[in-house]
Amino acid sequence: MVIKTFNIDEEKYRVFSEYCKANGLSMSKQVEFFISAQIAEEPKVRKEYLEKLEKIKKGNFIKVGSFEDFEKRYK
């Protein structure tokens, strides 16, 4: 365990400190979780998100064209 000093906007620190106190959280542990998530090589959520995004990209889409084409097709 190391002790580090960071420059953080005072208002953001105050709000986050109050949030942690209200929810029984350790501020240092939350910062550690954040750093771990940032340096993780392949976060689980990111992989799932990319798989869903790939499915969306392969979706069955129709070409609408201009607004006039849209009106002709769906009126």
PDB file of N, CA and C in Angstrom:
ATOM      1  N   MET A   1       0.847  -1.175   0.000  1.00  0.00           N
ATOM      2  CA  MET A   1       0.000   0.000   0.000  1.00  0.00           C
ATOM      3  C   MET A   1       0.890   1.236   0.000  1.00  0.00           C
ATOM      4  N   VAL A   2       0.543   2.207  -0.837  1.00  0.00           N
ATOM      5  CA  VAL A   2       1.292   3.459  -0.903  1.00  0.00           C
ATOM      6  C   VAL A   2       0.361   4.627  -0.625  1.00  0.00           C
ATOM      7  N   ILE A   3       0.929   5.718  -0.199  1.00  0.00           N
ATOM      8  CA  ILE A   3       0.161   6.943   0.017  1.00  0.00           C
ATOM      9  C   ILE A   3       0.567   7.909  -1.083  1.00  0.00           C
ATOM     10  N   LYS A   4      -0.418   8.398  -1.828  1.00  0.00           N
ATOM     11  CA  LYS A   4      -0.181   9.330  -2.932  1.00  0.00           C
ATOM     12  C   LYS A   4      -0.997  10.590  -2.709  1.00  0.00           C
ATOM     13  N   THR A   5      -0.558  11.671  -3.285  1.00  0.00           N
ATOM     14  CA  THR A   5      -1.273  12.937  -3.218  1.00  0.00           C
ATOM     15  C   THR A   5      -1.736  13.301  -4.623  1.00  0.00           C
ATOM     16  N   PHE A   6      -3.004  13.692  -4.736  1.00  0.00           N
ATOM     17  CA  PHE A   6      -3.564  14.092  -6.019  1.00  0.00           C
ATOM     18  C   PHE A   6      -4.170  15.480  -5.874  1.00  0.00           C
ATOM     19  N   ASN A   7      -4.120  16.246  -6.938  1.00  0.00           N
ATOM     20  CA  ASN A   7      -4.782  17.548  -6.973  1.00  0.00           C
ATOM     21  C   ASN A   7      -6.161  17.350  -7.570  1.00  0.00           C
ATOM     22  N   ILE A   8      -7.176  17.580  -6.763  1.00  0.00           N
ATOM     23  CA  ILE A   8      -8.564  17.380  -7.174  1.00  0.00           C
ATOM     24  C   ILE A   8      -9.344  18.644  -6.844  1.00  0.00           C
ATOM     25  N   ASP A   9     -10.240  19.017  -7.731  1.00  0.00           N
ATOM     26  CA  ASP A   9     -11.102  20.158  -7.491  1.00  0.00           C
ATOM     27  C   ASP A   9     -11.802  19.988  -6.135  1.00  0.00           C
ATOM     28  N   GLU A  10     -11.765  21.021  -5.325  1.00  0.00           N
ATOM     29  CA  GLU A  10     -12.290  20.953  -3.963  1.00  0.00           C
ATOM     30  C   GLU A  10     -13.773  20.589  -3.914  1.00  0.00           C
ATOM     31  N   GLU A  11     -14.560  21.166  -4.805  1.00  0.00           N
ATOM     32  CA  GLU A  11     -16.004  20.888  -4.818  1.00  0.00           C
ATOM     33  C   GLU A  11     -16.282  19.431  -5.189  1.00  0.00           C
ATOM     34  N   LYS A  12     -15.567  18.922  -6.194  1.00  0.00           N
ATOM     35  CA  LYS A  12     -15.749  17.525  -6.584  1.00  0.00           C
ATOM     36  C   LYS A  12     -15.357  16.594  -5.450  1.00  0.00           C
ATOM     37  N   TYR A  13     -14.273  16.933  -4.754  1.00  0.00           N
ATOM     38  CA  TYR A  13     -13.837  16.133  -3.611  1.00  0.00           C
ATOM     39  C   TYR A  13     -14.899  16.126  -2.519  1.00  0.00           C
ATOM     40  N   ARG A  14     -15.444  17.300  -2.226  1.00  0.00           N
ATOM     41  CA  ARG A  14     -16.466  17.418  -1.183  1.00  0.00           C
ATOM     42  C   ARG A  14     -17.692  16.584  -1.518  1.00  0.00           C
ATOM     43  N   VAL A  15     -18.167  16.695  -2.757  1.00  0.00           N
ATOM     44  CA  VAL A  15     -19.358  15.951  -3.176  1.00  0.00           C
ATOM     45  C   VAL A  15     -19.100  14.443  -3.121  1.00  0.00           C
ATOM     46  N   PHE A  16     -17.943  14.021  -3.611  1.00  0.00           N
ATOM     47  CA  PHE A  16     -17.623  12.592  -3.599  1.00  0.00           C
ATOM     48  C   PHE A  16     -17.446  12.083  -2.171  1.00  0.00           C
ATOM     49  N   SER A  17     -16.839  12.894  -1.322  1.00  0.00           N
ATOM     50  CA  SER A  17     -16.656  12.527   0.077  1.00  0.00           C
ATOM     51  C   SER A  17     -18.008  12.328   0.757  1.00  0.00           C
ATOM     52  N   GLU A  18     -18.934  13.251   0.533  1.00  0.00           N
ATOM     53  CA  GLU A  18     -20.280  13.128   1.110  1.00  0.00           C
ATOM     54  C   GLU A  18     -20.987  11.883   0.579  1.00  0.00           C
ATOM     55  N   TYR A  19     -20.839  11.623  -0.711  1.00  0.00           N
ATOM     56  CA  TYR A  19     -21.447  10.442  -1.320  1.00  0.00           C
ATOM     57  C   TYR A  19     -20.920   9.163  -0.657  1.00  0.00           C
ATOM     58  N   CYS A  20     -19.604   9.091  -0.492  1.00  0.00           N
ATOM     59  CA  CYS A  20     -18.997   7.900   0.110  1.00  0.00           C
ATOM     60  C   CYS A  20     -19.454   7.720   1.551  1.00  0.00           C
ATOM     61  N   LYS A  21     -19.489   8.818   2.306  1.00  0.00           N
ATOM     62  CA  LYS A  21     -19.933   8.739   3.697  1.00  0.00           C
ATOM     63  C   LYS A  21     -21.385   8.282   3.781  1.00  0.00           C
ATOM     64  N   ALA A  22     -22.235   8.831   2.932  1.00  0.00           N
ATOM     65  CA  ALA A  22     -23.663   8.491   2.948  1.00  0.00           C
ATOM     66  C   ALA A  22     -23.904   7.027   2.582  1.00  0.00           C
ATOM     67  N   ASN A  23     -23.005   6.461   1.765  1.00  0.00           N
ATOM     68  CA  ASN A  23     -23.183   5.078   1.310  1.00  0.00           C
ATOM     69  C   ASN A  23     -22.235   4.092   1.983  1.00  0.00           C
ATOM     70  N   GLY A  24     -21.509   4.559   3.004  1.00  0.00           N
ATOM     71  CA  GLY A  24     -20.607   3.693   3.742  1.00  0.00           C
ATOM     72  C   GLY A  24     -19.455   3.157   2.899  1.00  0.00           C
ATOM     73  N   LEU A  25     -18.943   3.988   1.999  1.00  0.00           N
ATOM     74  CA  LEU A  25     -17.865   3.562   1.105  1.00  0.00           C
ATOM     75  C   LEU A  25     -16.544   4.200   1.515  1.00  0.00           C
ATOM     76  N   SER A  26     -15.468   3.515   1.219  1.00  0.00           N
ATOM     77  CA  SER A  26     -14.128   4.048   1.445  1.00  0.00           C
ATOM     78  C   SER A  26     -13.707   4.802   0.185  1.00  0.00           C
ATOM     79  N   MET A  27     -13.377   6.083   0.342  1.00  0.00           N
ATOM     80  CA  MET A  27     -12.964   6.873  -0.820  1.00  0.00           C
ATOM     81  C   MET A  27     -11.742   6.268  -1.488  1.00  0.00           C
ATOM     82  N   SER A  28     -10.756   5.871  -0.717  1.00  0.00           N
ATOM     83  CA  SER A  28      -9.535   5.329  -1.307  1.00  0.00           C
ATOM     84  C   SER A  28      -9.816   4.034  -2.060  1.00  0.00           C
ATOM     85  N   LYS A  29     -10.735   3.213  -1.550  1.00  0.00           N
ATOM     86  CA  LYS A  29     -11.064   1.961  -2.223  1.00  0.00           C
ATOM     87  C   LYS A  29     -11.785   2.257  -3.546  1.00  0.00           C
ATOM     88  N   GLN A  30     -12.632   3.282  -3.559  1.00  0.00           N
ATOM     89  CA  GLN A  30     -13.332   3.658  -4.790  1.00  0.00           C
ATOM     90  C   GLN A  30     -12.345   4.145  -5.844  1.00  0.00           C
ATOM     91  N   VAL A  31     -11.354   4.913  -5.428  1.00  0.00           N
ATOM     92  CA  VAL A  31     -10.319   5.389  -6.353  1.00  0.00           C
ATOM     93  C   VAL A  31      -9.530   4.196  -6.879  1.00  0.00           C
ATOM     94  N   GLU A  32      -9.216   3.253  -5.985  1.00  0.00           N
ATOM     95  CA  GLU A  32      -8.485   2.054  -6.406  1.00  0.00           C
ATOM     96  C   GLU A  32      -9.297   1.246  -7.421  1.00  0.00           C
ATOM     97  N   PHE A  33     -10.611   1.093  -7.179  1.00  0.00           N
ATOM     98  CA  PHE A  33     -11.474   0.380  -8.133  1.00  0.00           C
ATOM     99  C   PHE A  33     -11.472   1.085  -9.486  1.00  0.00           C
ATOM    100  N   PHE A  34     -11.553   2.421  -9.470  1.00  0.00           N
ATOM    101  CA  PHE A  34     -11.558   3.190 -10.705  1.00  0.00           C
ATOM    102  C   PHE A  34     -10.260   2.973 -11.487  1.00  0.00           C
ATOM    103  N   ILE A  35      -9.132   3.059 -10.795  1.00  0.00           N
ATOM    104  CA  ILE A  35      -7.842   2.873 -11.456  1.00  0.00           C
ATOM    105  C   ILE A  35      -7.733   1.460 -12.019  1.00  0.00           C
ATOM    106  N   SER A  36      -8.157   0.475 -11.254  1.00  0.00           N
ATOM    107  CA  SER A  36      -8.116  -0.920 -11.727  1.00  0.00           C
ATOM    108  C   SER A  36      -8.949  -1.095 -12.989  1.00  0.00           C
ATOM    109  N   ALA A  37     -10.121  -0.463 -13.022  1.00  0.00           N
ATOM    110  CA  ALA A  37     -10.984  -0.569 -14.194  1.00  0.00           C
ATOM    111  C   ALA A  37     -10.347   0.098 -15.411  1.00  0.00           C
ATOM    112  N   GLN A  38      -9.626   1.190 -15.185  1.00  0.00           N
ATOM    113  CA  GLN A  38      -9.001   1.909 -16.291  1.00  0.00           C
ATOM    114  C   GLN A  38      -7.839   1.141 -16.906  1.00  0.00           C
ATOM    115  N   ILE A  39      -7.125   0.370 -16.095  1.00  0.00           N
ATOM    116  CA  ILE A  39      -5.945  -0.328 -16.604  1.00  0.00           C
ATOM    117  C   ILE A  39      -6.199  -1.789 -16.935  1.00  0.00           C
ATOM    118  N   ALA A  40      -7.407  -2.260 -16.690  1.00  0.00           N
ATOM    119  CA  ALA A  40      -7.734  -3.648 -17.015  1.00  0.00           C
ATOM    120  C   ALA A  40      -7.579  -3.861 -18.515  1.00  0.00           C
ATOM    121  N   GLU A  41      -6.996  -4.978 -18.893  1.00  0.00           N
ATOM    122  CA  GLU A  41      -6.742  -5.237 -20.307  1.00  0.00           C
ATOM    123  C   GLU A  41      -8.024  -5.499 -21.082  1.00  0.00           C
ATOM    124  N   GLU A  42      -8.928  -6.250 -20.510  1.00  0.00           N
ATOM    125  CA  GLU A  42     -10.174  -6.565 -21.212  1.00  0.00           C
ATOM    126  C   GLU A  42     -11.320  -6.653 -20.208  1.00  0.00           C
ATOM    127  N   PRO A  43     -11.900  -5.503 -19.862  1.00  0.00           N
ATOM    128  CA  PRO A  43     -13.004  -5.523 -18.915  1.00  0.00           C
ATOM    129  C   PRO A  43     -14.185  -6.342 -19.441  1.00  0.00           C
ATOM    130  N   LYS A  44     -14.900  -7.051 -18.556  1.00  0.00           N
ATOM    131  CA  LYS A  44     -16.028  -7.889 -18.949  1.00  0.00           C
ATOM    132  C   LYS A  44     -17.115  -7.070 -19.638  1.00  0.00           C
ATOM    133  N   VAL A  45     -17.424  -5.923 -19.096  1.00  0.00           N
ATOM    134  CA  VAL A  45     -18.490  -5.095 -19.660  1.00  0.00           C
ATOM    135  C   VAL A  45     -18.127  -4.666 -21.071  1.00  0.00           C
ATOM    136  N   ARG A  46     -16.906  -4.317 -21.307  1.00  0.00           N
ATOM    137  CA  ARG A  46     -16.490  -3.852 -22.630  1.00  0.00           C
ATOM    138  C   ARG A  46     -16.668  -4.954 -23.671  1.00  0.00           C
ATOM    139  N   LYS A  47     -16.299  -6.171 -23.347  1.00  0.00           N
ATOM    140  CA  LYS A  47     -16.434  -7.277 -24.296  1.00  0.00           C
ATOM    141  C   LYS A  47     -17.905  -7.513 -24.634  1.00  0.00           C
ATOM    142  N   GLU A  48     -18.757  -7.529 -23.626  1.00  0.00           N
ATOM    143  CA  GLU A  48     -20.189  -7.719 -23.858  1.00  0.00           C
ATOM    144  C   GLU A  48     -20.755  -6.575 -24.697  1.00  0.00           C
ATOM    145  N   TYR A  49     -20.338  -5.361 -24.399  1.00  0.00           N
ATOM    146  CA  TYR A  49     -20.807  -4.208 -25.148  1.00  0.00           C
ATOM    147  C   TYR A  49     -20.415  -4.312 -26.615  1.00  0.00           C
ATOM    148  N   LEU A  50     -19.176  -4.707 -26.862  1.00  0.00           N
ATOM    149  CA  LEU A  50     -18.716  -4.834 -28.244  1.00  0.00           C
ATOM    150  C   LEU A  50     -19.467  -5.928 -28.987  1.00  0.00           C
ATOM    151  N   GLU A  51     -19.798  -7.016 -28.310  1.00  0.00           N
ATOM    152  CA  GLU A  51     -20.580  -8.082 -28.947  1.00  0.00           C
ATOM    153  C   GLU A  51     -21.971  -7.580 -29.305  1.00  0.00           C
ATOM    154  N   LYS A  52     -22.620  -6.846 -28.400  1.00  0.00           N
ATOM    155  CA  LYS A  52     -23.949  -6.289 -28.682  1.00  0.00           C
ATOM    156  C   LYS A  52     -23.877  -5.281 -29.824  1.00  0.00           C
ATOM    157  N   LEU A  53     -22.838  -4.465 -29.814  1.00  0.00           N
ATOM    158  CA  LEU A  53     -22.666  -3.476 -30.870  1.00  0.00           C
ATOM    159  C   LEU A  53     -22.506  -4.154 -32.223  1.00  0.00           C
ATOM    160  N   GLU A  54     -21.769  -5.236 -32.259  1.00  0.00           N
ATOM    161  CA  GLU A  54     -21.571  -5.976 -33.510  1.00  0.00           C
ATOM    162  C   GLU A  54     -22.901  -6.533 -34.022  1.00  0.00           C
ATOM    163  N   LYS A  55     -23.751  -7.038 -33.121  1.00  0.00           N
ATOM    164  CA  LYS A  55     -25.077  -7.538 -33.512  1.00  0.00           C
ATOM    165  C   LYS A  55     -25.924  -6.409 -34.096  1.00  0.00           C
ATOM    166  N   ILE A  56     -25.855  -5.246 -33.471  1.00  0.00           N
ATOM    167  CA  ILE A  56     -26.616  -4.098 -33.963  1.00  0.00           C
ATOM    168  C   ILE A  56     -26.145  -3.704 -35.351  1.00  0.00           C
ATOM    169  N   LYS A  57     -24.833  -3.684 -35.558  1.00  0.00           N
ATOM    170  CA  LYS A  57     -24.283  -3.317 -36.862  1.00  0.00           C
ATOM    171  C   LYS A  57     -24.738  -4.270 -37.957  1.00  0.00           C
ATOM    172  N   LYS A  58     -24.946  -5.541 -37.614  1.00  0.00           N
ATOM    173  CA  LYS A  58     -25.360  -6.532 -38.597  1.00  0.00           C
ATOM    174  C   LYS A  58     -26.872  -6.602 -38.728  1.00  0.00           C
ATOM    175  N   GLY A  59     -27.580  -5.678 -38.108  1.00  0.00           N
ATOM    176  CA  GLY A  59     -29.044  -5.673 -38.105  1.00  0.00           C
ATOM    177  C   GLY A  59     -29.631  -5.543 -39.498  1.00  0.00           C
ATOM    178  N   ASN A  60     -30.894  -5.858 -39.597  1.00  0.00           N
ATOM    179  CA  ASN A  60     -31.625  -5.790 -40.856  1.00  0.00           C
ATOM    180  C   ASN A  60     -32.213  -4.387 -40.994  1.00  0.00           C
ATOM    181  N   PHE A  61     -31.525  -3.526 -41.720  1.00  0.00           N
ATOM    182  CA  PHE A  61     -31.941  -2.143 -41.875  1.00  0.00           C
ATOM    183  C   PHE A  61     -32.473  -1.908 -43.281  1.00  0.00           C
ATOM    184  N   ILE A  62     -33.347  -0.921 -43.402  1.00  0.00           N
ATOM    185  CA  ILE A  62     -33.852  -0.548 -44.718  1.00  0.00           C
ATOM    186  C   ILE A  62     -33.294   0.817 -45.082  1.00  0.00           C
ATOM    187  N   LYS A  63     -33.062   1.032 -46.366  1.00  0.00           N
ATOM    188  CA  LYS A  63     -32.612   2.342 -46.819  1.00  0.00           C
ATOM    189  C   LYS A  63     -33.837   3.200 -47.056  1.00  0.00           C
ATOM    190  N   VAL A  64     -33.898   4.324 -46.397  1.00  0.00           N
ATOM    191  CA  VAL A  64     -35.057   5.203 -46.502  1.00  0.00           C
ATOM    192  C   VAL A  64     -34.852   6.232 -47.600  1.00  0.00           C
ATOM    193  N   GLY A  65     -33.658   6.733 -47.739  1.00  0.00           N
ATOM    194  CA  GLY A  65     -33.405   7.761 -48.744  1.00  0.00           C
ATOM    195  C   GLY A  65     -33.801   9.120 -48.221  1.00  0.00           C
ATOM    196  N   SER A  66     -34.424   9.917 -49.078  1.00  0.00           N
ATOM    197  CA  SER A  66     -34.820  11.272 -48.690  1.00  0.00           C
ATOM    198  C   SER A  66     -36.144  11.237 -47.940  1.00  0.00           C
ATOM    199  N   PHE A  67     -36.540  12.377 -47.419  1.00  0.00           N
ATOM    200  CA  PHE A  67     -37.817  12.483 -46.726  1.00  0.00           C
ATOM    201  C   PHE A  67     -38.973  12.170 -47.680  1.00  0.00           C
ATOM    202  N   GLU A  68     -38.840  12.594 -48.926  1.00  0.00           N
ATOM    203  CA  GLU A  68     -39.877  12.326 -49.913  1.00  0.00           C
ATOM    204  C   GLU A  68     -40.007  10.818 -50.153  1.00  0.00           C
ATOM    205  N   ASP A  69     -38.877  10.125 -50.249  1.00  0.00           N
ATOM    206  CA  ASP A  69     -38.906   8.673 -50.414  1.00  0.00           C
ATOM    207  C   ASP A  69     -39.594   8.012 -49.219  1.00  0.00           C
ATOM    208  N   PHE A  70     -39.328   8.529 -48.046  1.00  0.00           N
ATOM    209  CA  PHE A  70     -39.926   7.986 -46.832  1.00  0.00           C
ATOM    210  C   PHE A  70     -41.439   8.169 -46.881  1.00  0.00           C
ATOM    211  N   GLU A  71     -41.882   9.371 -47.259  1.00  0.00           N
ATOM    212  CA  GLU A  71     -43.322   9.642 -47.357  1.00  0.00           C
ATOM    213  C   GLU A  71     -44.001   8.713 -48.354  1.00  0.00           C
ATOM    214  N   LYS A  72     -43.393   8.512 -49.529  1.00  0.00           N
ATOM    215  CA  LYS A  72     -43.968   7.628 -50.542  1.00  0.00           C
ATOM    216  C   LYS A  72     -44.103   6.203 -50.020  1.00  0.00           C
ATOM    217  N   ARG A  73     -43.092   5.764 -49.310  1.00  0.00           N
ATOM    218  CA  ARG A  73     -43.071   4.375 -48.855  1.00  0.00           C
ATOM    219  C   ARG A  73     -44.056   4.098 -47.722  1.00  0.00           C
ATOM    220  N   TYR A  74     -44.240   5.072 -46.821  1.00  0.00           N
ATOM    221  CA  TYR A  74     -45.020   4.801 -45.624  1.00  0.00           C
ATOM    222  C   TYR A  74     -46.328   5.567 -45.518  1.00  0.00           C
ATOM    223  N   LYS A  75     -46.808   6.180 -46.590  1.00  0.00           N
ATOM    224  CA  LYS A  75     -48.112   6.842 -46.550  1.00  0.00           C
ATOM    225  C   LYS A  75     -49.184   5.912 -47.039  1.00  0.00           C
TER     226      LYS A  75
END
